[in-house]
């Protein structure tokens, strides 16, 4: 075994160990953070557009799903947390759309 092979072996073992550790903890938290961030942003936009008034069902549906997603993430159930955050974002998008339509209708 050459010198470079002997030096590379511990590096490969360290990288594989790190990869296994990352795989054991999963990257669910990373993906959850992306989904939750998107849902939070959309929910804030919906609120600014008055979705509480113009699209209350969609707005509060999104808000409750985001809250439940946070609870699931806190217990490291990232699969459910991601699904809930995704539903929250979809509902917040609908609330945004309905609120914008209500504003357009008010301007006539």
PDB file of N, CA and C in Angstrom:
ATOM      1  N   UNK A   1       0.849  -1.165   0.000  1.00  0.00           N
ATOM      2  CA  UNK A   1       0.000   0.000   0.000  1.00  0.00           C
ATOM      3  C   UNK A   1       0.892   1.225   0.000  1.00  0.00           C
ATOM      4  N   UNK A   2       0.628   2.156  -0.914  1.00  0.00           N
ATOM      5  CA  UNK A   2       1.437   3.356  -1.027  1.00  0.00           C
ATOM      6  C   UNK A   2       1.116   4.346   0.074  1.00  0.00           C
ATOM      7  N   UNK A   3       1.953   5.373   0.170  1.00  0.00           N
ATOM      8  CA  UNK A   3       1.793   6.406   1.184  1.00  0.00           C
ATOM      9  C   UNK A   3       0.460   7.127   1.018  1.00  0.00           C
ATOM     10  N   UNK A   4       0.118   7.485  -0.212  1.00  0.00           N
ATOM     11  CA  UNK A   4      -1.136   8.215  -0.429  1.00  0.00           C
ATOM     12  C   UNK A   4      -2.344   7.349  -0.099  1.00  0.00           C
ATOM     13  N   UNK A   5      -2.258   6.053  -0.370  1.00  0.00           N
ATOM     14  CA  UNK A   5      -3.359   5.144  -0.040  1.00  0.00           C
ATOM     15  C   UNK A   5      -3.511   5.028   1.470  1.00  0.00           C
ATOM     16  N   UNK A   6      -2.385   4.977   2.210  1.00  0.00           N
ATOM     17  CA  UNK A   6      -2.454   4.895   3.674  1.00  0.00           C
ATOM     18  C   UNK A   6      -3.016   6.171   4.276  1.00  0.00           C
ATOM     19  N   UNK A   7      -2.740   7.309   3.676  1.00  0.00           N
ATOM     20  CA  UNK A   7      -3.273   8.576   4.173  1.00  0.00           C
ATOM     21  C   UNK A   7      -4.745   8.745   3.792  1.00  0.00           C
ATOM     22  N   UNK A   8      -5.120   8.215   2.643  1.00  0.00           N
ATOM     23  CA  UNK A   8      -6.491   8.361   2.168  1.00  0.00           C
ATOM     24  C   UNK A   8      -7.455   7.458   2.924  1.00  0.00           C
ATOM     25  N   UNK A   9      -6.986   6.295   3.385  1.00  0.00           N
ATOM     26  CA  UNK A   9      -7.866   5.342   4.066  1.00  0.00           C
ATOM     27  C   UNK A   9      -8.559   5.951   5.293  1.00  0.00           C
ATOM     28  N   UNK A  10      -7.832   6.611   6.198  1.00  0.00           N
ATOM     29  CA  UNK A  10      -8.517   7.211   7.349  1.00  0.00           C
ATOM     30  C   UNK A  10      -9.499   8.315   6.932  1.00  0.00           C
ATOM     31  N   UNK A  11      -9.157   9.027   5.877  1.00  0.00           N
ATOM     32  CA  UNK A  11     -10.044  10.078   5.390  1.00  0.00           C
ATOM     33  C   UNK A  11     -11.337   9.477   4.858  1.00  0.00           C
ATOM     34  N   UNK A  12     -11.213   8.387   4.118  1.00  0.00           N
ATOM     35  CA  UNK A  12     -12.395   7.707   3.582  1.00  0.00           C
ATOM     36  C   UNK A  12     -13.250   7.173   4.724  1.00  0.00           C
ATOM     37  N   UNK A  13     -12.623   6.581   5.716  1.00  0.00           N
ATOM     38  CA  UNK A  13     -13.360   6.067   6.875  1.00  0.00           C
ATOM     39  C   UNK A  13     -14.071   7.204   7.603  1.00  0.00           C
ATOM     40  N   UNK A  14     -13.394   8.313   7.767  1.00  0.00           N
ATOM     41  CA  UNK A  14     -14.008   9.467   8.437  1.00  0.00           C
ATOM     42  C   UNK A  14     -15.189  10.003   7.640  1.00  0.00           C
ATOM     43  N   UNK A  15     -15.018  10.087   6.316  1.00  0.00           N
ATOM     44  CA  UNK A  15     -16.115  10.575   5.478  1.00  0.00           C
ATOM     45  C   UNK A  15     -17.300   9.627   5.502  1.00  0.00           C
ATOM     46  N   UNK A  16     -17.033   8.323   5.437  1.00  0.00           N
ATOM     47  CA  UNK A  16     -18.115   7.346   5.496  1.00  0.00           C
ATOM     48  C   UNK A  16     -18.812   7.379   6.848  1.00  0.00           C
ATOM     49  N   UNK A  17     -18.046   7.555   7.909  1.00  0.00           N
ATOM     50  CA  UNK A  17     -18.635   7.658   9.244  1.00  0.00           C
ATOM     51  C   UNK A  17     -19.539   8.886   9.349  1.00  0.00           C
ATOM     52  N   UNK A  18     -19.060   9.986   8.817  1.00  0.00           N
ATOM     53  CA  UNK A  18     -19.857  11.215   8.842  1.00  0.00           C
ATOM     54  C   UNK A  18     -21.125  11.046   8.021  1.00  0.00           C
ATOM     55  N   UNK A  19     -20.998  10.398   6.878  1.00  0.00           N
ATOM     56  CA  UNK A  19     -22.151  10.156   6.022  1.00  0.00           C
ATOM     57  C   UNK A  19     -23.167   9.257   6.717  1.00  0.00           C
ATOM     58  N   UNK A  20     -22.696   8.228   7.385  1.00  0.00           N
ATOM     59  CA  UNK A  20     -23.598   7.338   8.125  1.00  0.00           C
ATOM     60  C   UNK A  20     -24.276   8.081   9.269  1.00  0.00           C
ATOM     61  N   UNK A  21     -23.513   8.908   9.957  1.00  0.00           N
ATOM     62  CA  UNK A  21     -24.089   9.691  11.048  1.00  0.00           C
ATOM     63  C   UNK A  21     -25.145  10.640  10.514  1.00  0.00           C
ATOM     64  N   UNK A  22     -24.859  11.287   9.409  1.00  0.00           N
ATOM     65  CA  UNK A  22     -25.827  12.187   8.791  1.00  0.00           C
ATOM     66  C   UNK A  22     -27.055  11.408   8.354  1.00  0.00           C
ATOM     67  N   UNK A  23     -26.834  10.209   7.803  1.00  0.00           N
ATOM     68  CA  UNK A  23     -27.952   9.371   7.375  1.00  0.00           C
ATOM     69  C   UNK A  23     -28.773   8.886   8.549  1.00  0.00           C
ATOM     70  N   UNK A  24     -28.130   8.619   9.678  1.00  0.00           N
ATOM     71  CA  UNK A  24     -28.852   8.150  10.858  1.00  0.00           C
ATOM     72  C   UNK A  24     -29.729   9.255  11.434  1.00  0.00           C
ATOM     73  N   UNK A  25     -29.229  10.458  11.437  1.00  0.00           N
ATOM     74  CA  UNK A  25     -30.028  11.558  11.958  1.00  0.00           C
ATOM     75  C   UNK A  25     -30.991  12.045  10.894  1.00  0.00           C
ATOM     76  N   UNK A  26     -30.708  11.707   9.658  1.00  0.00           N
ATOM     77  CA  UNK A  26     -31.582  12.077   8.549  1.00  0.00           C
ATOM     78  C   UNK A  26     -31.423  13.522   8.168  1.00  0.00           C
ATOM     79  N   UNK A  27     -31.922  13.808   7.001  1.00  0.00           N
ATOM     80  CA  UNK A  27     -31.888  15.191   6.559  1.00  0.00           C
ATOM     81  C   UNK A  27     -33.303  15.746   6.555  1.00  0.00           C
ATOM     82  N   UNK A  28     -34.182  15.069   7.281  1.00  0.00           N
ATOM     83  CA  UNK A  28     -35.566  15.519   7.383  1.00  0.00           C
ATOM     84  C   UNK A  28     -35.676  16.904   7.970  1.00  0.00           C
ATOM     85  N   UNK A  29     -34.841  17.197   8.947  1.00  0.00           N
ATOM     86  CA  UNK A  29     -34.883  18.521   9.568  1.00  0.00           C
ATOM     87  C   UNK A  29     -34.546  19.616   8.577  1.00  0.00           C
ATOM     88  N   UNK A  30     -33.614  19.326   7.692  1.00  0.00           N
ATOM     89  CA  UNK A  30     -33.224  20.288   6.664  1.00  0.00           C
ATOM     90  C   UNK A  30     -34.387  20.551   5.715  1.00  0.00           C
ATOM     91  N   UNK A  31     -35.009  19.461   5.225  1.00  0.00           N
ATOM     92  CA  UNK A  31     -36.121  19.622   4.299  1.00  0.00           C
ATOM     93  C   UNK A  31     -37.335  20.234   4.982  1.00  0.00           C
ATOM     94  N   UNK A  32     -37.561  19.863   6.238  1.00  0.00           N
ATOM     95  CA  UNK A  32     -38.663  20.475   6.989  1.00  0.00           C
ATOM     96  C   UNK A  32     -38.456  21.984   7.075  1.00  0.00           C
ATOM     97  N   UNK A  33     -37.237  22.406   7.357  1.00  0.00           N
ATOM     98  CA  UNK A  33     -36.962  23.841   7.487  1.00  0.00           C
ATOM     99  C   UNK A  33     -37.279  24.579   6.188  1.00  0.00           C
ATOM    100  N   UNK A  34     -36.992  23.955   5.063  1.00  0.00           N
ATOM    101  CA  UNK A  34     -37.299  24.577   3.774  1.00  0.00           C
ATOM    102  C   UNK A  34     -38.809  24.709   3.592  1.00  0.00           C
ATOM    103  N   UNK A  35     -39.526  23.622   3.845  1.00  0.00           N
ATOM    104  CA  UNK A  35     -40.981  23.647   3.681  1.00  0.00           C
ATOM    105  C   UNK A  35     -41.635  24.611   4.671  1.00  0.00           C
ATOM    106  N   UNK A  36     -41.199  24.557   5.919  1.00  0.00           N
ATOM    107  CA  UNK A  36     -41.785  25.426   6.940  1.00  0.00           C
ATOM    108  C   UNK A  36     -41.487  26.891   6.650  1.00  0.00           C
ATOM    109  N   UNK A  37     -40.300  27.174   6.169  1.00  0.00           N
ATOM    110  CA  UNK A  37     -39.951  28.553   5.818  1.00  0.00           C
ATOM    111  C   UNK A  37     -40.828  29.077   4.702  1.00  0.00           C
ATOM    112  N   UNK A  38     -41.064  28.251   3.704  1.00  0.00           N
ATOM    113  CA  UNK A  38     -41.937  28.647   2.596  1.00  0.00           C
ATOM    114  C   UNK A  38     -43.360  28.880   3.063  1.00  0.00           C
ATOM    115  N   UNK A  39     -43.857  27.971   3.895  1.00  0.00           N
ATOM    116  CA  UNK A  39     -45.225  28.107   4.403  1.00  0.00           C
ATOM    117  C   UNK A  39     -45.361  29.346   5.280  1.00  0.00           C
ATOM    118  N   UNK A  40     -44.371  29.604   6.106  1.00  0.00           N
ATOM    119  CA  UNK A  40     -44.401  30.780   6.982  1.00  0.00           C
ATOM    120  C   UNK A  40     -44.427  32.062   6.154  1.00  0.00           C
ATOM    121  N   UNK A  41     -43.596  32.107   5.134  1.00  0.00           N
ATOM    122  CA  UNK A  41     -43.548  33.276   4.259  1.00  0.00           C
ATOM    123  C   UNK A  41     -44.891  33.515   3.570  1.00  0.00           C
ATOM    124  N   UNK A  42     -45.479  32.441   3.050  1.00  0.00           N
ATOM    125  CA  UNK A  42     -46.774  32.561   2.365  1.00  0.00           C
ATOM    126  C   UNK A  42     -47.868  32.982   3.337  1.00  0.00           C
ATOM    127  N   UNK A  43     -47.822  32.453   4.543  1.00  0.00           N
ATOM    128  CA  UNK A  43     -48.815  32.810   5.545  1.00  0.00           C
ATOM    129  C   UNK A  43     -48.706  34.283   5.926  1.00  0.00           C
ATOM    130  N   UNK A  44     -47.498  34.793   6.018  1.00  0.00           N
ATOM    131  CA  UNK A  44     -47.298  36.216   6.308  1.00  0.00           C
ATOM    132  C   UNK A  44     -47.834  37.078   5.166  1.00  0.00           C
ATOM    133  N   UNK A  45     -47.592  36.648   3.946  1.00  0.00           N
ATOM    134  CA  UNK A  45     -48.113  37.375   2.786  1.00  0.00           C
ATOM    135  C   UNK A  45     -49.634  37.383   2.805  1.00  0.00           C
ATOM    136  N   UNK A  46     -50.215  36.222   3.099  1.00  0.00           N
ATOM    137  CA  UNK A  46     -51.672  36.125   3.174  1.00  0.00           C
ATOM    138  C   UNK A  46     -52.227  37.061   4.237  1.00  0.00           C
ATOM    139  N   UNK A  47     -51.563  37.113   5.368  1.00  0.00           N
ATOM    140  CA  UNK A  47     -52.013  37.990   6.445  1.00  0.00           C
ATOM    141  C   UNK A  47     -51.951  39.459   6.012  1.00  0.00           C
ATOM    142  N   UNK A  48     -50.885  39.835   5.338  1.00  0.00           N
ATOM    143  CA  UNK A  48     -50.740  41.218   4.872  1.00  0.00           C
ATOM    144  C   UNK A  48     -51.828  41.595   3.867  1.00  0.00           C
ATOM    145  N   UNK A  49     -52.319  40.600   3.138  1.00  0.00           N
ATOM    146  CA  UNK A  49     -53.372  40.859   2.154  1.00  0.00           C
ATOM    147  C   UNK A  49     -54.771  40.792   2.759  1.00  0.00           C
ATOM    148  N   UNK A  50     -54.840  40.538   4.064  1.00  0.00           N
ATOM    149  CA  UNK A  50     -56.136  40.497   4.729  1.00  0.00           C
ATOM    150  C   UNK A  50     -56.858  39.173   4.607  1.00  0.00           C
ATOM    151  N   UNK A  51     -56.123  38.093   4.478  1.00  0.00           N
ATOM    152  CA  UNK A  51     -56.725  36.775   4.305  1.00  0.00           C
ATOM    153  C   UNK A  51     -57.599  36.370   5.490  1.00  0.00           C
ATOM    154  N   UNK A  52     -57.320  36.917   6.657  1.00  0.00           N
ATOM    155  CA  UNK A  52     -58.165  36.610   7.813  1.00  0.00           C
ATOM    156  C   UNK A  52     -59.609  37.026   7.543  1.00  0.00           C
ATOM    157  N   UNK A  53     -59.772  38.066   6.742  1.00  0.00           N
ATOM    158  CA  UNK A  53     -61.102  38.567   6.391  1.00  0.00           C
ATOM    159  C   UNK A  53     -61.609  37.964   5.085  1.00  0.00           C
ATOM    160  N   UNK A  54     -60.741  37.903   4.070  1.00  0.00           N
ATOM    161  CA  UNK A  54     -61.156  37.519   2.724  1.00  0.00           C
ATOM    162  C   UNK A  54     -61.111  36.014   2.460  1.00  0.00           C
ATOM    163  N   UNK A  55     -60.296  35.300   3.180  1.00  0.00           N
ATOM    164  CA  UNK A  55     -60.174  33.850   2.991  1.00  0.00           C
ATOM    165  C   UNK A  55     -59.899  33.187   4.342  1.00  0.00           C
ATOM    166  N   UNK A  56     -60.822  33.349   5.286  1.00  0.00           N
ATOM    167  CA  UNK A  56     -60.551  32.870   6.643  1.00  0.00           C
ATOM    168  C   UNK A  56     -60.335  31.356   6.735  1.00  0.00           C
ATOM    169  N   UNK A  57     -61.115  30.586   5.988  1.00  0.00           N
ATOM    170  CA  UNK A  57     -60.943  29.127   6.064  1.00  0.00           C
ATOM    171  C   UNK A  57     -59.532  28.732   5.645  1.00  0.00           C
ATOM    172  N   UNK A  58     -59.102  29.214   4.498  1.00  0.00           N
ATOM    173  CA  UNK A  58     -57.788  28.857   3.979  1.00  0.00           C
ATOM    174  C   UNK A  58     -56.667  29.383   4.866  1.00  0.00           C
ATOM    175  N   UNK A  59     -56.849  30.599   5.361  1.00  0.00           N
ATOM    176  CA  UNK A  59     -55.832  31.217   6.206  1.00  0.00           C
ATOM    177  C   UNK A  59     -55.652  30.433   7.505  1.00  0.00           C
ATOM    178  N   UNK A  60     -56.751  30.152   8.203  1.00  0.00           N
ATOM    179  CA  UNK A  60     -56.642  29.456   9.482  1.00  0.00           C
ATOM    180  C   UNK A  60     -56.275  27.981   9.299  1.00  0.00           C
ATOM    181  N   UNK A  61     -56.701  27.385   8.187  1.00  0.00           N
ATOM    182  CA  UNK A  61     -56.293  26.027   7.863  1.00  0.00           C
ATOM    183  C   UNK A  61     -54.770  25.969   7.735  1.00  0.00           C
ATOM    184  N   UNK A  62     -54.209  26.916   7.010  1.00  0.00           N
ATOM    185  CA  UNK A  62     -52.752  26.996   6.835  1.00  0.00           C
ATOM    186  C   UNK A  62     -52.060  27.225   8.171  1.00  0.00           C
ATOM    187  N   UNK A  63     -52.608  28.121   8.950  1.00  0.00           N
ATOM    188  CA  UNK A  63     -52.004  28.449  10.243  1.00  0.00           C
ATOM    189  C   UNK A  63     -51.975  27.223  11.170  1.00  0.00           C
ATOM    190  N   UNK A  64     -53.076  26.491  11.223  1.00  0.00           N
ATOM    191  CA  UNK A  64     -53.147  25.316  12.097  1.00  0.00           C
ATOM    192  C   UNK A  64     -52.237  24.187  11.597  1.00  0.00           C
ATOM    193  N   UNK A  65     -52.168  24.019  10.284  1.00  0.00           N
ATOM    194  CA  UNK A  65     -51.291  22.988   9.743  1.00  0.00           C
ATOM    195  C   UNK A  65     -49.818  23.323   9.999  1.00  0.00           C
ATOM    196  N   UNK A  66     -49.479  24.588   9.905  1.00  0.00           N
ATOM    197  CA  UNK A  66     -48.098  24.984  10.195  1.00  0.00           C
ATOM    198  C   UNK A  66     -47.774  24.763  11.669  1.00  0.00           C
ATOM    199  N   UNK A  67     -48.728  25.078  12.532  1.00  0.00           N
ATOM    200  CA  UNK A  67     -48.526  24.847  13.971  1.00  0.00           C
ATOM    201  C   UNK A  67     -48.318  23.360  14.255  1.00  0.00           C
ATOM    202  N   UNK A  68     -49.149  22.521  13.645  1.00  0.00           N
ATOM    203  CA  UNK A  68     -49.019  21.070  13.838  1.00  0.00           C
ATOM    204  C   UNK A  68     -47.693  20.578  13.249  1.00  0.00           C
ATOM    205  N   UNK A  69     -47.275  21.143  12.139  1.00  0.00           N
ATOM    206  CA  UNK A  69     -45.986  20.766  11.546  1.00  0.00           C
ATOM    207  C   UNK A  69     -44.850  21.057  12.521  1.00  0.00           C
ATOM    208  N   UNK A  70     -44.917  22.191  13.201  1.00  0.00           N
ATOM    209  CA  UNK A  70     -43.888  22.537  14.179  1.00  0.00           C
ATOM    210  C   UNK A  70     -43.879  21.536  15.337  1.00  0.00           C
ATOM    211  N   UNK A  71     -45.060  21.103  15.761  1.00  0.00           N
ATOM    212  CA  UNK A  71     -45.144  20.118  16.836  1.00  0.00           C
ATOM    213  C   UNK A  71     -44.523  18.789  16.406  1.00  0.00           C
ATOM    214  N   UNK A  72     -44.838  18.373  15.185  1.00  0.00           N
ATOM    215  CA  UNK A  72     -44.280  17.113  14.677  1.00  0.00           C
ATOM    216  C   UNK A  72     -42.763  17.208  14.537  1.00  0.00           C
ATOM    217  N   UNK A  73     -42.272  18.333  14.066  1.00  0.00           N
ATOM    218  CA  UNK A  73     -40.824  18.506  13.926  1.00  0.00           C
ATOM    219  C   UNK A  73     -40.141  18.502  15.290  1.00  0.00           C
ATOM    220  N   UNK A  74     -40.809  19.060  16.284  1.00  0.00           N
ATOM    221  CA  UNK A  74     -40.228  19.087  17.627  1.00  0.00           C
ATOM    222  C   UNK A  74     -40.041  17.680  18.182  1.00  0.00           C
ATOM    223  N   UNK A  75     -40.880  16.753  17.738  1.00  0.00           N
ATOM    224  CA  UNK A  75     -40.712  15.366  18.175  1.00  0.00           C
ATOM    225  C   UNK A  75     -39.969  14.538  17.126  1.00  0.00           C
ATOM    226  N   UNK A  76     -39.293  15.218  16.208  1.00  0.00           N
ATOM    227  CA  UNK A  76     -38.455  14.607  15.169  1.00  0.00           C
ATOM    228  C   UNK A  76     -39.235  13.703  14.219  1.00  0.00           C
ATOM    229  N   UNK A  77     -40.511  13.988  14.033  1.00  0.00           N
ATOM    230  CA  UNK A  77     -41.318  13.264  13.048  1.00  0.00           C
ATOM    231  C   UNK A  77     -41.355  14.110  11.782  1.00  0.00           C
ATOM    232  N   UNK A  78     -40.225  14.135  11.092  1.00  0.00           N
ATOM    233  CA  UNK A  78     -40.045  15.062   9.987  1.00  0.00           C
ATOM    234  C   UNK A  78     -40.898  14.746   8.766  1.00  0.00           C
ATOM    235  N   UNK A  79     -41.203  13.486   8.533  1.00  0.00           N
ATOM    236  CA  UNK A  79     -42.049  13.140   7.389  1.00  0.00           C
ATOM    237  C   UNK A  79     -43.414  13.791   7.500  1.00  0.00           C
ATOM    238  N   UNK A  80     -44.054  13.624   8.653  1.00  0.00           N
ATOM    239  CA  UNK A  80     -45.357  14.258   8.872  1.00  0.00           C
ATOM    240  C   UNK A  80     -45.229  15.773   8.900  1.00  0.00           C
ATOM    241  N   UNK A  81     -44.163  16.264   9.490  1.00  0.00           N
ATOM    242  CA  UNK A  81     -43.952  17.715   9.568  1.00  0.00           C
ATOM    243  C   UNK A  81     -43.844  18.322   8.173  1.00  0.00           C
ATOM    244  N   UNK A  82     -43.135  17.653   7.284  1.00  0.00           N
ATOM    245  CA  UNK A  82     -42.996  18.140   5.911  1.00  0.00           C
ATOM    246  C   UNK A  82     -44.340  18.134   5.206  1.00  0.00           C
ATOM    247  N   UNK A  83     -45.089  17.044   5.367  1.00  0.00           N
ATOM    248  CA  UNK A  83     -46.413  16.959   4.729  1.00  0.00           C
ATOM    249  C   UNK A  83     -47.341  18.063   5.234  1.00  0.00           C
ATOM    250  N   UNK A  84     -47.333  18.302   6.524  1.00  0.00           N
ATOM    251  CA  UNK A  84     -48.188  19.338   7.107  1.00  0.00           C
ATOM    252  C   UNK A  84     -47.759  20.733   6.647  1.00  0.00           C
ATOM    253  N   UNK A  85     -46.464  20.969   6.601  1.00  0.00           N
ATOM    254  CA  UNK A  85     -45.969  22.272   6.135  1.00  0.00           C
ATOM    255  C   UNK A  85     -46.313  22.483   4.666  1.00  0.00           C
ATOM    256  N   UNK A  86     -46.254  21.423   3.879  1.00  0.00           N
ATOM    257  CA  UNK A  86     -46.625  21.512   2.466  1.00  0.00           C
ATOM    258  C   UNK A  86     -48.110  21.862   2.324  1.00  0.00           C
ATOM    259  N   UNK A  87     -48.953  21.215   3.108  1.00  0.00           N
ATOM    260  CA  UNK A  87     -50.385  21.533   3.091  1.00  0.00           C
ATOM    261  C   UNK A  87     -50.623  22.980   3.531  1.00  0.00           C
ATOM    262  N   UNK A  88     -49.873  23.417   4.527  1.00  0.00           N
ATOM    263  CA  UNK A  88     -50.000  24.797   5.001  1.00  0.00           C
ATOM    264  C   UNK A  88     -49.656  25.777   3.889  1.00  0.00           C
ATOM    265  N   UNK A  89     -48.595  25.491   3.154  1.00  0.00           N
ATOM    266  CA  UNK A  89     -48.189  26.395   2.070  1.00  0.00           C
ATOM    267  C   UNK A  89     -49.238  26.425   0.959  1.00  0.00           C
ATOM    268  N   UNK A  90     -49.782  25.269   0.613  1.00  0.00           N
ATOM    269  CA  UNK A  90     -50.821  25.218  -0.422  1.00  0.00           C
ATOM    270  C   UNK A  90     -52.044  26.032  -0.008  1.00  0.00           C
ATOM    271  N   UNK A  91     -52.452  25.885   1.235  1.00  0.00           N
ATOM    272  CA  UNK A  91     -53.616  26.618   1.718  1.00  0.00           C
ATOM    273  C   UNK A  91     -53.329  28.116   1.809  1.00  0.00           C
ATOM    274  N   UNK A  92     -52.122  28.467   2.210  1.00  0.00           N
ATOM    275  CA  UNK A  92     -51.737  29.880   2.271  1.00  0.00           C
ATOM    276  C   UNK A  92     -51.726  30.480   0.868  1.00  0.00           C
ATOM    277  N   UNK A  93     -51.258  29.715  -0.119  1.00  0.00           N
ATOM    278  CA  UNK A  93     -51.295  30.187  -1.506  1.00  0.00           C
ATOM    279  C   UNK A  93     -52.725  30.456  -1.954  1.00  0.00           C
ATOM    280  N   UNK A  94     -53.631  29.567  -1.583  1.00  0.00           N
ATOM    281  CA  UNK A  94     -55.044  29.755  -1.936  1.00  0.00           C
ATOM    282  C   UNK A  94     -55.602  30.998  -1.234  1.00  0.00           C
ATOM    283  N   UNK A  95     -55.218  31.198   0.017  1.00  0.00           N
ATOM    284  CA  UNK A  95     -55.657  32.383   0.757  1.00  0.00           C
ATOM    285  C   UNK A  95     -55.136  33.657   0.094  1.00  0.00           C
ATOM    286  N   UNK A  96     -53.915  33.613  -0.388  1.00  0.00           N
ATOM    287  CA  UNK A  96     -53.338  34.763  -1.096  1.00  0.00           C
ATOM    288  C   UNK A  96     -54.143  35.051  -2.350  1.00  0.00           C
ATOM    289  N   UNK A  97     -54.414  34.021  -3.120  1.00  0.00           N
ATOM    290  CA  UNK A  97     -55.170  34.174  -4.363  1.00  0.00           C
ATOM    291  C   UNK A  97     -56.562  34.755  -4.095  1.00  0.00           C
ATOM    292  N   UNK A  98     -57.265  34.197  -3.128  1.00  0.00           N
ATOM    293  CA  UNK A  98     -58.609  34.683  -2.810  1.00  0.00           C
ATOM    294  C   UNK A  98     -58.584  36.123  -2.305  1.00  0.00           C
ATOM    295  N   UNK A  99     -57.582  36.445  -1.518  1.00  0.00           N
ATOM    296  CA  UNK A  99     -57.459  37.813  -0.995  1.00  0.00           C
ATOM    297  C   UNK A  99     -57.178  38.805  -2.114  1.00  0.00           C
ATOM    298  N   UNK A 100     -56.306  38.414  -3.035  1.00  0.00           N
ATOM    299  CA  UNK A 100     -56.024  39.285  -4.181  1.00  0.00           C
ATOM    300  C   UNK A 100     -57.267  39.478  -5.035  1.00  0.00           C
ATOM    301  N   UNK A 101     -58.015  38.418  -5.242  1.00  0.00           N
ATOM    302  CA  UNK A 101     -59.253  38.514  -6.023  1.00  0.00           C
ATOM    303  C   UNK A 101     -60.253  39.432  -5.323  1.00  0.00           C
ATOM    304  N   UNK A 102     -60.320  39.348  -4.004  1.00  0.00           N
ATOM    305  CA  UNK A 102     -61.233  40.213  -3.250  1.00  0.00           C
ATOM    306  C   UNK A 102     -60.819  41.675  -3.390  1.00  0.00           C
ATOM    307  N   UNK A 103     -59.524  41.936  -3.376  1.00  0.00           N
ATOM    308  CA  UNK A 103     -59.036  43.307  -3.554  1.00  0.00           C
ATOM    309  C   UNK A 103     -59.330  43.822  -4.949  1.00  0.00           C
ATOM    310  N   UNK A 104     -59.166  42.972  -5.939  1.00  0.00           N
ATOM    311  CA  UNK A 104     -59.461  43.374  -7.322  1.00  0.00           C
ATOM    312  C   UNK A 104     -60.943  43.680  -7.490  1.00  0.00           C
ATOM    313  N   UNK A 105     -61.780  42.854  -6.874  1.00  0.00           N
ATOM    314  CA  UNK A 105     -63.222  43.065  -6.955  1.00  0.00           C
ATOM    315  C   UNK A 105     -63.664  44.326  -6.266  1.00  0.00           C
ATOM    316  N   UNK A 106     -62.964  44.713  -5.206  1.00  0.00           N
ATOM    317  CA  UNK A 106     -63.307  45.920  -4.449  1.00  0.00           C
ATOM    318  C   UNK A 106     -62.956  47.183  -5.236  1.00  0.00           C
ATOM    319  N   UNK A 107     -62.047  47.054  -6.179  1.00  0.00           N
ATOM    320  CA  UNK A 107     -61.592  48.219  -6.932  1.00  0.00           C
ATOM    321  C   UNK A 107     -62.482  48.573  -8.105  1.00  0.00           C
ATOM    322  N   UNK A 108     -63.484  47.765  -8.374  1.00  0.00           N
ATOM    323  CA  UNK A 108     -64.360  48.008  -9.537  1.00  0.00           C
ATOM    324  C   UNK A 108     -65.351  49.085  -9.281  1.00  0.00           C
TER     325      UNK A 108
END
